[in-house]
Amino acid sequence: MAITEPFEIDGVTIGVTEWAITQNEAFTINSTTLETTAGVYQLWVDASVMAKADQFRIKGYEKVEATGGLQRRFASWDLLGVQTEVFVTPTFILMNGWTFTLQKIAGTDRAFDAVIRKVA
């Protein structure tokens, strides 16, 4: 078994605009640039830049059907205040049009590092 890191953001400043980690750009629901490479994935976020008044939201999106259908949120997590541990999602089987996003809900814009790991 090999692990790869096909998607990464490095020092990207996250604000109120929802940011797609797979595309490294502002997120648009049902974008035509969704990731469709099937696999088992896990998101890792270094949130150590967060301060007491900060709140950031991480979301996972996926399409249920390969053709047609709409991309829907399948998971959401809120990070509140100072973070001393790396945030890690469970592993997910993804394939039909997916992404993970990061967005500021409250506090100050922060520069995050994040990586999506794939089991190969």
Protein backbone atom coordinates (compact mmCIF):
# COMPACT_ATOMS: atom_id res chain seq x y z
CA MET A 1 0.00 0.00 0.00
CA ALA A 2 1.29 3.43 -0.96
CA ILE A 3 0.12 6.85 0.18
CA THR A 4 0.24 9.86 -2.14
CA GLU A 5 -0.59 13.53 -1.61
CA PRO A 6 -2.23 14.60 -4.88
CA PHE A 7 -3.75 17.81 -3.49
CA GLU A 8 -2.14 20.44 -1.27
CA ILE A 9 -2.50 24.06 -0.24
CA ASP A 10 0.50 25.77 1.30
CA GLY A 11 0.02 29.02 3.20
CA VAL A 12 -3.27 29.85 1.47
CA THR A 13 -5.15 32.65 3.24
CA ILE A 14 -8.70 31.54 3.97
CA GLY A 15 -11.45 34.11 4.48
CA VAL A 16 -15.23 34.22 4.12
CA THR A 17 -15.08 32.80 0.58
CA GLU A 18 -15.34 29.00 0.69
CA TRP A 19 -12.06 27.57 -0.69
CA ALA A 20 -11.85 24.26 -2.63
CA ILE A 21 -8.68 22.44 -1.59
CA THR A 22 -8.67 20.07 -4.59
CA GLN A 23 -8.83 22.92 -7.11
CA ASN A 24 -6.96 25.52 -4.96
CA GLU A 25 -9.57 28.14 -5.88
CA ALA A 26 -12.83 29.64 -4.68
CA PHE A 27 -15.49 26.93 -4.42
CA THR A 28 -18.54 26.89 -6.66
CA ILE A 29 -21.22 24.26 -6.03
CA ASN A 30 -21.46 21.86 -8.98
CA SER A 31 -18.41 23.36 -10.63
CA THR A 32 -17.25 21.72 -13.85
CA THR A 33 -13.77 21.34 -12.33
CA LEU A 34 -14.73 18.81 -9.66
CA GLU A 35 -12.27 16.05 -8.88
CA THR A 36 -13.38 12.71 -10.37
CA THR A 37 -10.34 10.52 -9.68
CA ALA A 38 -11.75 7.61 -7.66
CA GLY A 39 -10.00 6.55 -4.50
CA VAL A 40 -9.81 6.44 -0.73
CA TYR A 41 -8.97 9.92 0.57
CA GLN A 42 -8.30 11.68 3.86
CA LEU A 43 -7.90 15.41 4.56
CA TRP A 44 -5.22 16.77 6.93
CA VAL A 45 -5.32 20.44 8.00
CA ASP A 46 -2.71 22.28 10.07
CA ALA A 47 -4.94 24.72 11.98
CA SER A 48 -2.26 25.87 14.44
CA VAL A 49 -2.59 29.41 13.03
CA MET A 50 -6.03 29.81 14.62
CA ALA A 51 -6.62 32.16 17.58
CA LYS A 52 -9.17 32.34 20.39
CA ALA A 53 -11.96 34.14 18.46
CA ASP A 54 -11.57 32.17 15.21
CA GLN A 55 -14.05 29.71 13.72
CA PHE A 56 -13.40 27.86 10.47
CA ARG A 57 -15.60 25.27 8.74
CA ILE A 58 -14.37 22.27 6.77
CA LYS A 59 -16.80 20.54 4.39
CA GLY A 60 -16.71 17.50 2.13
CA TYR A 61 -18.76 17.39 -1.08
CA GLU A 62 -19.49 14.51 -3.49
CA LYS A 63 -21.93 13.56 -6.25
CA VAL A 64 -23.87 10.35 -5.58
CA GLU A 65 -24.20 9.39 -9.25
CA ALA A 66 -21.47 9.36 -11.88
CA THR A 67 -23.70 10.98 -14.50
CA GLY A 68 -26.22 13.62 -13.63
CA GLY A 69 -27.07 14.41 -10.08
CA LEU A 70 -25.78 17.29 -8.04
CA GLN A 71 -22.82 17.63 -5.75
CA ARG A 72 -23.97 17.59 -2.11
CA ARG A 73 -22.29 18.12 1.22
CA PHE A 74 -21.63 14.78 2.95
CA ALA A 75 -19.74 16.04 6.01
CA SER A 76 -19.01 19.24 7.91
CA TRP A 77 -16.74 20.08 10.85
CA ASP A 78 -16.21 23.34 12.76
CA LEU A 79 -12.86 24.29 14.26
CA LEU A 80 -13.24 26.75 17.14
CA GLY A 81 -10.49 28.79 18.77
CA VAL A 82 -6.87 27.84 19.31
CA GLN A 83 -5.96 24.47 17.75
CA THR A 84 -3.06 22.43 19.16
CA GLU A 85 -3.60 19.28 17.09
CA VAL A 86 -3.73 18.63 13.35
CA PHE A 87 -7.31 18.16 12.11
CA VAL A 88 -7.77 14.83 10.29
CA THR A 89 -10.96 13.56 8.65
CA PRO A 90 -11.96 9.91 8.53
CA THR A 91 -11.11 8.19 5.23
CA PHE A 92 -13.74 8.39 2.50
CA ILE A 93 -14.29 6.51 -0.77
CA LEU A 94 -14.76 9.32 -3.32
CA MET A 95 -15.20 9.22 -7.09
CA ASN A 96 -18.02 11.09 -8.85
CA GLY A 97 -17.23 14.79 -8.41
CA TRP A 98 -15.83 15.63 -5.01
CA THR A 99 -13.87 18.21 -3.04
CA PHE A 100 -13.06 19.37 0.48
CA THR A 101 -13.44 23.04 1.36
CA LEU A 102 -12.31 25.44 4.08
CA GLN A 103 -14.06 28.68 5.05
CA LYS A 104 -13.82 31.32 7.77
CA ILE A 105 -17.01 31.70 9.82
CA ALA A 106 -15.68 34.15 12.45
CA GLY A 107 -12.43 35.80 13.45
CA THR A 108 -9.44 36.73 11.32
CA ASP A 109 -8.39 35.45 7.89
CA ARG A 110 -5.62 32.86 8.38
CA ALA A 111 -3.03 31.19 6.13
CA PHE A 112 -3.54 27.40 6.22
CA ASP A 113 -1.57 24.38 5.08
CA ALA A 114 -3.63 21.33 4.12
CA VAL A 115 -3.13 18.12 2.19
CA ILE A 116 -5.45 15.43 0.86
CA ARG A 117 -3.86 11.99 1.08
CA LYS A 118 -4.82 9.11 -1.18
CA VAL A 119 -4.40 5.38 -0.48
CA ALA A 120 -2.97 3.80 -3.63
